[in-house]
Amino acid sequence: MDIYRPRPQASAIGVRVDVRAVMKEVYLWMTLGLVTSAVVALVFAVTGLTSAIFPVLIIAPFVQIGLVWYLSARIQKMEAQRAATLFLVFAAMMGITLSTIFYWASLADIYLALFATGAMFAAMSVVGYTTQVDLSRLGSLLFMALIGLIVASIVNLFLASQTLYWIVSYAGVLIFVGLTAYDTQWIKRNAEQIQVQGVNSGATVVRQIAIIGALKLYLDFINLFLFILNIIGNRQR
């Protein structure tokens, strides 16, 4: 689960960064990513571009996974601006994929899902930031549950079981609610461990953890939103 670790500093004389400033930048970039995705999704849906490139959307998830992997693996060696650009490119590509929801969900359901997601995400992020309980063990359990969720989702593509559909949907909400709290605490604890030896060095390291932290929380928010939308949009079944 730990896709980023601050590099140890050569000197013991280091200055710790302001954790609140790091968290502020994390949420700023996460919000910018969400806005980018929303704008791209709306533009593609309204202009009909989604329908025009629908066959190409099959490969979009694989490209997105590749970008997540690349960012996670190379973040410490990237320039801050490059990391930020790749994050926004990823958010834009996710927006193209998300534009498909306008074809199967009503605007009322989308608004309701966004409101519910925002409320749950905010609550669990506050819990993750303020709790004194170590959530590291919870992270391991959630990661295993996430693997099971992915497997169950793939299996249900062939089974088309309504029961399994609802189990996956509600389990997905619970898993990403938990991951929101876990990832928030993970970001905070990594920020607390950072020591820098200069203004430029500090800005670079802060931007690195801000981008990877924003990516984690962005993915938590998007996945939570999609599972909630699945429940709301199919509640009449």
C-alpha atoms as a PDB file:
ATOM      1  CA  MET A   1       0.000   0.000   0.000  1.00  0.00           C
ATOM      2  CA  ASP A   2       2.912   2.358   0.655  1.00  0.00           C
ATOM      3  CA  ILE A   3       3.626   3.724  -2.796  1.00  0.00           C
ATOM      4  CA  TYR A   4       5.759   6.607  -1.600  1.00  0.00           C
ATOM      5  CA  ARG A   5       8.385   6.959   1.082  1.00  0.00           C
ATOM      6  CA  PRO A   6      10.328  10.169   1.696  1.00  0.00           C
ATOM      7  CA  ARG A   7      14.019   9.663   1.061  1.00  0.00           C
ATOM      8  CA  PRO A   8      16.206   9.803   4.166  1.00  0.00           C
ATOM      9  CA  GLN A   9      18.286  12.947   4.462  1.00  0.00           C
ATOM     10  CA  ALA A  10      22.044  12.730   4.589  1.00  0.00           C
ATOM     11  CA  SER A  11      22.350  15.293   7.343  1.00  0.00           C
ATOM     12  CA  ALA A  12      20.787  15.094  10.769  1.00  0.00           C
ATOM     13  CA  ILE A  13      20.264  18.857  10.645  1.00  0.00           C
ATOM     14  CA  GLY A  14      16.934  19.040   8.920  1.00  0.00           C
ATOM     15  CA  VAL A  15      13.869  21.184   9.231  1.00  0.00           C
ATOM     16  CA  ARG A  16      10.499  19.483   9.426  1.00  0.00           C
ATOM     17  CA  VAL A  17       7.854  20.723   7.045  1.00  0.00           C
ATOM     18  CA  ASP A  18       4.538  22.190   8.129  1.00  0.00           C
ATOM     19  CA  VAL A  19       2.165  19.208   8.068  1.00  0.00           C
ATOM     20  CA  ARG A  20      -0.872  21.447   7.689  1.00  0.00           C
ATOM     21  CA  ALA A  21       0.699  23.095   4.644  1.00  0.00           C
ATOM     22  CA  VAL A  22       1.347  19.673   3.109  1.00  0.00           C
ATOM     23  CA  MET A  23      -2.237  18.548   3.735  1.00  0.00           C
ATOM     24  CA  LYS A  24      -3.554  21.806   2.300  1.00  0.00           C
ATOM     25  CA  GLU A  25      -1.586  21.212  -0.906  1.00  0.00           C
ATOM     26  CA  VAL A  26      -2.767  17.582  -1.035  1.00  0.00           C
ATOM     27  CA  TYR A  27      -6.418  18.642  -0.916  1.00  0.00           C
ATOM     28  CA  LEU A  28      -5.764  21.471  -3.366  1.00  0.00           C
ATOM     29  CA  TRP A  29      -4.342  19.080  -5.968  1.00  0.00           C
ATOM     30  CA  MET A  30      -7.031  16.480  -5.293  1.00  0.00           C
ATOM     31  CA  THR A  31      -9.726  19.112  -5.840  1.00  0.00           C
ATOM     32  CA  LEU A  32      -8.008  20.324  -9.003  1.00  0.00           C
ATOM     33  CA  GLY A  33      -7.939  16.738 -10.255  1.00  0.00           C
ATOM     34  CA  LEU A  34     -11.637  16.247  -9.498  1.00  0.00           C
ATOM     35  CA  VAL A  35     -12.568  19.516 -11.224  1.00  0.00           C
ATOM     36  CA  THR A  36     -10.477  18.530 -14.261  1.00  0.00           C
ATOM     37  CA  SER A  37     -12.233  15.164 -14.463  1.00  0.00           C
ATOM     38  CA  ALA A  38     -15.679  16.739 -14.062  1.00  0.00           C
ATOM     39  CA  VAL A  39     -15.085  19.355 -16.778  1.00  0.00           C
ATOM     40  CA  VAL A  40     -13.672  16.815 -19.238  1.00  0.00           C
ATOM     41  CA  ALA A  41     -16.510  14.356 -18.520  1.00  0.00           C
ATOM     42  CA  LEU A  42     -19.148  17.047 -19.068  1.00  0.00           C
ATOM     43  CA  VAL A  43     -17.561  18.311 -22.292  1.00  0.00           C
ATOM     44  CA  PHE A  44     -17.259  14.827 -23.764  1.00  0.00           C
ATOM     45  CA  ALA A  45     -20.820  13.883 -22.817  1.00  0.00           C
ATOM     46  CA  VAL A  46     -22.424  17.128 -24.062  1.00  0.00           C
ATOM     47  CA  THR A  47     -20.520  17.248 -27.364  1.00  0.00           C
ATOM     48  CA  GLY A  48     -21.078  13.564 -28.142  1.00  0.00           C
ATOM     49  CA  LEU A  49     -17.367  12.776 -28.170  1.00  0.00           C
ATOM     50  CA  THR A  50     -17.986   9.906 -25.756  1.00  0.00           C
ATOM     51  CA  SER A  51     -20.152   8.110 -28.287  1.00  0.00           C
ATOM     52  CA  ALA A  52     -17.699   8.865 -31.090  1.00  0.00           C
ATOM     53  CA  ILE A  53     -14.724   7.283 -29.314  1.00  0.00           C
ATOM     54  CA  PHE A  54     -16.627   4.662 -27.316  1.00  0.00           C
ATOM     55  CA  PRO A  55     -14.677   1.668 -28.741  1.00  0.00           C
ATOM     56  CA  VAL A  56     -11.410   3.355 -27.732  1.00  0.00           C
ATOM     57  CA  LEU A  57     -12.602   3.688 -24.128  1.00  0.00           C
ATOM     58  CA  ILE A  58     -11.968  -0.032 -23.681  1.00  0.00           C
ATOM     59  CA  ILE A  59      -8.225   0.617 -23.443  1.00  0.00           C
ATOM     60  CA  ALA A  60      -8.569   3.749 -21.287  1.00  0.00           C
ATOM     61  CA  PRO A  61      -8.490   1.875 -17.925  1.00  0.00           C
ATOM     62  CA  PHE A  62      -5.226   0.182 -18.903  1.00  0.00           C
ATOM     63  CA  VAL A  63      -3.639   3.533 -19.766  1.00  0.00           C
ATOM     64  CA  GLN A  64      -4.858   4.958 -16.454  1.00  0.00           C
ATOM     65  CA  ILE A  65      -3.392   2.024 -14.507  1.00  0.00           C
ATOM     66  CA  GLY A  66      -0.113   2.573 -16.339  1.00  0.00           C
ATOM     67  CA  LEU A  67      -0.066   6.260 -15.378  1.00  0.00           C
ATOM     68  CA  VAL A  68      -0.800   5.443 -11.728  1.00  0.00           C
ATOM     69  CA  TRP A  69       1.997   2.875 -11.686  1.00  0.00           C
ATOM     70  CA  TYR A  70       4.444   5.260 -13.384  1.00  0.00           C
ATOM     71  CA  LEU A  71       3.658   8.109 -11.002  1.00  0.00           C
ATOM     72  CA  SER A  72       3.950   5.832  -7.975  1.00  0.00           C
ATOM     73  CA  ALA A  73       7.245   4.318  -9.073  1.00  0.00           C
ATOM     74  CA  ARG A  74       8.956   7.457 -10.381  1.00  0.00           C
ATOM     75  CA  ILE A  75       7.587  10.253  -8.208  1.00  0.00           C
ATOM     76  CA  GLN A  76      10.803  10.680  -6.200  1.00  0.00           C
ATOM     77  CA  LYS A  77      12.890  11.106  -9.367  1.00  0.00           C
ATOM     78  CA  MET A  78      10.518  13.497 -11.152  1.00  0.00           C
ATOM     79  CA  GLU A  79      10.559  17.229 -11.251  1.00  0.00           C
ATOM     80  CA  ALA A  80       7.618  18.609  -9.300  1.00  0.00           C
ATOM     81  CA  GLN A  81       6.088  20.203 -12.394  1.00  0.00           C
ATOM     82  CA  ARG A  82       6.264  16.956 -14.362  1.00  0.00           C
ATOM     83  CA  ALA A  83       4.539  15.038 -11.552  1.00  0.00           C
ATOM     84  CA  ALA A  84       1.784  17.645 -11.392  1.00  0.00           C
ATOM     85  CA  THR A  85       1.301  17.550 -15.168  1.00  0.00           C
ATOM     86  CA  LEU A  86       1.039  13.755 -15.228  1.00  0.00           C
ATOM     87  CA  PHE A  87      -1.492  13.848 -12.402  1.00  0.00           C
ATOM     88  CA  LEU A  88      -3.683  16.267 -14.339  1.00  0.00           C
ATOM     89  CA  VAL A  89      -3.307  14.172 -17.513  1.00  0.00           C
ATOM     90  CA  PHE A  90      -4.474  11.160 -15.513  1.00  0.00           C
ATOM     91  CA  ALA A  91      -7.436  13.153 -14.140  1.00  0.00           C
ATOM     92  CA  ALA A  92      -8.385  14.258 -17.661  1.00  0.00           C
ATOM     93  CA  MET A  93      -8.277  10.679 -18.935  1.00  0.00           C
ATOM     94  CA  MET A  94     -10.387   9.567 -15.993  1.00  0.00           C
ATOM     95  CA  GLY A  95     -12.844  12.308 -16.945  1.00  0.00           C
ATOM     96  CA  ILE A  96     -13.190  10.792 -20.421  1.00  0.00           C
ATOM     97  CA  THR A  97     -14.028   7.432 -18.856  1.00  0.00           C
ATOM     98  CA  LEU A  98     -16.429   9.027 -16.358  1.00  0.00           C
ATOM     99  CA  SER A  99     -18.320  10.745 -19.177  1.00  0.00           C
ATOM    100  CA  THR A 100     -20.070   7.417 -19.786  1.00  0.00           C
ATOM    101  CA  ILE A 101     -22.074   7.806 -16.559  1.00  0.00           C
ATOM    102  CA  PHE A 102     -24.230  10.453 -18.241  1.00  0.00           C
ATOM    103  CA  TYR A 103     -25.545   7.700 -20.525  1.00  0.00           C
ATOM    104  CA  TRP A 104     -26.838   5.418 -17.769  1.00  0.00           C
ATOM    105  CA  ALA A 105     -27.447   7.652 -14.733  1.00  0.00           C
ATOM    106  CA  SER A 106     -29.770  10.620 -14.350  1.00  0.00           C
ATOM    107  CA  LEU A 107     -28.478  14.037 -13.305  1.00  0.00           C
ATOM    108  CA  ALA A 108     -30.496  13.805 -10.086  1.00  0.00           C
ATOM    109  CA  ASP A 109     -28.785  10.535  -9.195  1.00  0.00           C
ATOM    110  CA  ILE A 110     -25.350  11.969 -10.044  1.00  0.00           C
ATOM    111  CA  TYR A 111     -25.936  15.030  -7.848  1.00  0.00           C
ATOM    112  CA  LEU A 112     -27.179  12.873  -4.985  1.00  0.00           C
ATOM    113  CA  ALA A 113     -24.203  10.529  -5.309  1.00  0.00           C
ATOM    114  CA  LEU A 114     -21.793  13.477  -5.343  1.00  0.00           C
ATOM    115  CA  PHE A 115     -23.366  14.942  -2.216  1.00  0.00           C
ATOM    116  CA  ALA A 116     -23.255  11.602  -0.377  1.00  0.00           C
ATOM    117  CA  THR A 117     -19.682  10.963  -1.511  1.00  0.00           C
ATOM    118  CA  GLY A 118     -18.522  14.421  -0.455  1.00  0.00           C
ATOM    119  CA  ALA A 119     -20.089  14.073   2.986  1.00  0.00           C
ATOM    120  CA  MET A 120     -18.696  10.580   3.620  1.00  0.00           C
ATOM    121  CA  PHE A 121     -15.269  11.442   2.225  1.00  0.00           C
ATOM    122  CA  ALA A 122     -14.981  14.596   4.330  1.00  0.00           C
ATOM    123  CA  ALA A 123     -16.056  12.788   7.499  1.00  0.00           C
ATOM    124  CA  MET A 124     -13.612   9.899   7.047  1.00  0.00           C
ATOM    125  CA  SER A 125     -10.766  12.192   6.042  1.00  0.00           C
ATOM    126  CA  VAL A 126     -11.253  14.144   9.275  1.00  0.00           C
ATOM    127  CA  VAL A 127     -11.264  10.848  11.187  1.00  0.00           C
ATOM    128  CA  GLY A 128      -8.041   9.760   9.489  1.00  0.00           C
ATOM    129  CA  TYR A 129      -6.335  13.083  10.218  1.00  0.00           C
ATOM    130  CA  THR A 130      -7.378  13.404  13.865  1.00  0.00           C
ATOM    131  CA  THR A 131      -7.495   9.838  15.195  1.00  0.00           C
ATOM    132  CA  GLN A 132      -4.693   8.595  17.430  1.00  0.00           C
ATOM    133  CA  VAL A 133      -5.449   4.984  16.485  1.00  0.00           C
ATOM    134  CA  ASP A 134      -2.864   3.376  14.205  1.00  0.00           C
ATOM    135  CA  LEU A 135      -4.706   2.433  10.999  1.00  0.00           C
ATOM    136  CA  SER A 136      -1.777   0.603   9.374  1.00  0.00           C
ATOM    137  CA  ARG A 137      -3.265  -2.827  10.126  1.00  0.00           C
ATOM    138  CA  LEU A 138      -6.593  -1.661   8.751  1.00  0.00           C
ATOM    139  CA  GLY A 139      -4.790  -0.737   5.541  1.00  0.00           C
ATOM    140  CA  SER A 140      -3.556  -4.302   5.035  1.00  0.00           C
ATOM    141  CA  LEU A 141      -7.041  -5.713   5.572  1.00  0.00           C
ATOM    142  CA  LEU A 142      -8.588  -3.155   3.231  1.00  0.00           C
ATOM    143  CA  PHE A 143      -6.034  -3.943   0.544  1.00  0.00           C
ATOM    144  CA  MET A 144      -6.877  -7.664   0.719  1.00  0.00           C
ATOM    145  CA  ALA A 145     -10.586  -6.806   0.665  1.00  0.00           C
ATOM    146  CA  LEU A 146      -9.992  -4.621  -2.393  1.00  0.00           C
ATOM    147  CA  ILE A 147      -8.348  -7.524  -4.225  1.00  0.00           C
ATOM    148  CA  GLY A 148     -11.358  -9.681  -3.362  1.00  0.00           C
ATOM    149  CA  LEU A 149     -13.683  -6.937  -4.570  1.00  0.00           C
ATOM    150  CA  ILE A 150     -11.907  -6.756  -7.937  1.00  0.00           C
ATOM    151  CA  VAL A 151     -12.060 -10.538  -8.349  1.00  0.00           C
ATOM    152  CA  ALA A 152     -15.762 -10.611  -7.424  1.00  0.00           C
ATOM    153  CA  SER A 153     -16.505  -7.803  -9.885  1.00  0.00           C
ATOM    154  CA  ILE A 154     -14.776  -9.668 -12.711  1.00  0.00           C
ATOM    155  CA  VAL A 155     -16.573 -12.915 -11.848  1.00  0.00           C
ATOM    156  CA  ASN A 156     -19.917 -11.113 -11.853  1.00  0.00           C
ATOM    157  CA  LEU A 157     -19.323  -9.914 -15.399  1.00  0.00           C
ATOM    158  CA  PHE A 158     -19.956 -13.518 -16.390  1.00  0.00           C
ATOM    159  CA  LEU A 159     -22.470 -14.515 -13.721  1.00  0.00           C
ATOM    160  CA  ALA A 160     -24.597 -11.339 -13.858  1.00  0.00           C
ATOM    161  CA  SER A 161     -25.832 -12.113 -10.350  1.00  0.00           C
ATOM    162  CA  GLN A 162     -28.006  -9.416  -8.759  1.00  0.00           C
ATOM    163  CA  THR A 163     -27.096 -10.643  -5.281  1.00  0.00           C
ATOM    164  CA  LEU A 164     -23.370 -10.471  -5.991  1.00  0.00           C
ATOM    165  CA  TYR A 165     -23.881  -7.059  -7.627  1.00  0.00           C
ATOM    166  CA  TRP A 166     -25.358  -5.592  -4.452  1.00  0.00           C
ATOM    167  CA  ILE A 167     -22.730  -7.266  -2.245  1.00  0.00           C
ATOM    168  CA  VAL A 168     -19.946  -5.794  -4.397  1.00  0.00           C
ATOM    169  CA  SER A 169     -21.562  -2.342  -4.415  1.00  0.00           C
ATOM    170  CA  TYR A 170     -22.016  -2.073  -0.648  1.00  0.00           C
ATOM    171  CA  ALA A 171     -18.639  -3.697   0.047  1.00  0.00           C
ATOM    172  CA  GLY A 172     -17.035  -1.175  -2.313  1.00  0.00           C
ATOM    173  CA  VAL A 173     -18.509   1.715  -0.335  1.00  0.00           C
ATOM    174  CA  LEU A 174     -17.250   0.272   2.958  1.00  0.00           C
ATOM    175  CA  ILE A 175     -13.774  -0.438   1.577  1.00  0.00           C
ATOM    176  CA  PHE A 176     -13.228   3.026   0.120  1.00  0.00           C
ATOM    177  CA  VAL A 177     -14.678   4.730   3.190  1.00  0.00           C
ATOM    178  CA  GLY A 178     -12.029   2.870   5.193  1.00  0.00           C
ATOM    179  CA  LEU A 179      -9.290   3.622   2.650  1.00  0.00           C
ATOM    180  CA  THR A 180     -10.093   7.329   2.848  1.00  0.00           C
ATOM    181  CA  ALA A 181      -9.333   7.358   6.577  1.00  0.00           C
ATOM    182  CA  TYR A 182      -6.271   5.123   6.130  1.00  0.00           C
ATOM    183  CA  ASP A 183      -4.788   7.138   3.252  1.00  0.00           C
ATOM    184  CA  THR A 184      -5.341  10.439   5.066  1.00  0.00           C
ATOM    185  CA  GLN A 185      -3.432   9.140   8.085  1.00  0.00           C
ATOM    186  CA  TRP A 186      -0.728   7.724   5.793  1.00  0.00           C
ATOM    187  CA  ILE A 187      -0.220  11.118   4.137  1.00  0.00           C
ATOM    188  CA  LYS A 188      -0.129  12.916   7.483  1.00  0.00           C
ATOM    189  CA  ARG A 189       2.433  10.502   8.984  1.00  0.00           C
ATOM    190  CA  ASN A 190       4.676  10.672   5.932  1.00  0.00           C
ATOM    191  CA  ALA A 191       4.505  14.467   6.039  1.00  0.00           C
ATOM    192  CA  GLU A 192       5.503  14.403   9.718  1.00  0.00           C
ATOM    193  CA  GLN A 193       8.632  12.409   8.858  1.00  0.00           C
ATOM    194  CA  ILE A 194       9.877  14.729   6.123  1.00  0.00           C
ATOM    195  CA  GLN A 195      12.979  16.764   6.868  1.00  0.00           C
ATOM    196  CA  VAL A 196      14.348  19.262   4.372  1.00  0.00           C
ATOM    197  CA  GLN A 197      17.546  21.273   4.178  1.00  0.00           C
ATOM    198  CA  GLY A 198      16.545  24.225   2.058  1.00  0.00           C
ATOM    199  CA  VAL A 199      13.634  26.141   0.597  1.00  0.00           C
ATOM    200  CA  ASN A 200      13.970  24.614  -2.880  1.00  0.00           C
ATOM    201  CA  SER A 201      14.437  21.106  -1.527  1.00  0.00           C
ATOM    202  CA  GLY A 202      11.463  21.563   0.769  1.00  0.00           C
ATOM    203  CA  ALA A 203       9.190  22.759  -2.027  1.00  0.00           C
ATOM    204  CA  THR A 204      10.131  19.790  -4.211  1.00  0.00           C
ATOM    205  CA  VAL A 205       9.577  17.169  -1.499  1.00  0.00           C
ATOM    206  CA  VAL A 206       6.300  18.748  -0.406  1.00  0.00           C
ATOM    207  CA  ARG A 207       5.051  18.774  -3.994  1.00  0.00           C
ATOM    208  CA  GLN A 208       6.046  15.107  -4.408  1.00  0.00           C
ATOM    209  CA  ILE A 209       4.081  13.903  -1.397  1.00  0.00           C
ATOM    210  CA  ALA A 210       1.256  16.315  -2.226  1.00  0.00           C
ATOM    211  CA  ILE A 211       0.845  14.797  -5.691  1.00  0.00           C
ATOM    212  CA  ILE A 212       1.021  11.177  -4.565  1.00  0.00           C
ATOM    213  CA  GLY A 213      -1.273  11.966  -1.630  1.00  0.00           C
ATOM    214  CA  ALA A 214      -3.708  13.747  -3.944  1.00  0.00           C
ATOM    215  CA  LEU A 215      -3.651  10.734  -6.261  1.00  0.00           C
ATOM    216  CA  LYS A 216      -4.513   8.368  -3.401  1.00  0.00           C
ATOM    217  CA  LEU A 217      -7.405  10.486  -2.137  1.00  0.00           C
ATOM    218  CA  TYR A 218      -8.601  11.236  -5.672  1.00  0.00           C
ATOM    219  CA  LEU A 219      -8.881   7.496  -6.370  1.00  0.00           C
ATOM    220  CA  ASP A 220     -10.680   6.963  -3.056  1.00  0.00           C
ATOM    221  CA  PHE A 221     -13.189   9.696  -3.897  1.00  0.00           C
ATOM    222  CA  ILE A 222     -13.834   8.543  -7.468  1.00  0.00           C
ATOM    223  CA  ASN A 223     -14.293   4.900  -6.528  1.00  0.00           C
ATOM    224  CA  LEU A 224     -16.525   5.787  -3.577  1.00  0.00           C
ATOM    225  CA  PHE A 225     -18.617   7.983  -5.873  1.00  0.00           C
ATOM    226  CA  LEU A 226     -19.008   5.225  -8.478  1.00  0.00           C
ATOM    227  CA  PHE A 227     -20.095   2.611  -5.949  1.00  0.00           C
ATOM    228  CA  ILE A 228     -22.591   5.006  -4.369  1.00  0.00           C
ATOM    229  CA  LEU A 229     -23.901   5.942  -7.824  1.00  0.00           C
ATOM    230  CA  ASN A 230     -24.319   2.244  -8.645  1.00  0.00           C
ATOM    231  CA  ILE A 231     -26.447   1.821  -5.520  1.00  0.00           C
ATOM    232  CA  ILE A 232     -28.535   4.954  -6.099  1.00  0.00           C
ATOM    233  CA  GLY A 233     -28.958   4.416  -9.842  1.00  0.00           C
ATOM    234  CA  ASN A 234     -30.083   0.813  -9.445  1.00  0.00           C
ATOM    235  CA  ARG A 235     -32.140   1.090  -6.271  1.00  0.00           C
ATOM    236  CA  GLN A 236     -35.362   0.448  -8.210  1.00  0.00           C
ATOM    237  CA  ARG A 237     -34.206  -2.936  -9.524  1.00  0.00           C
END
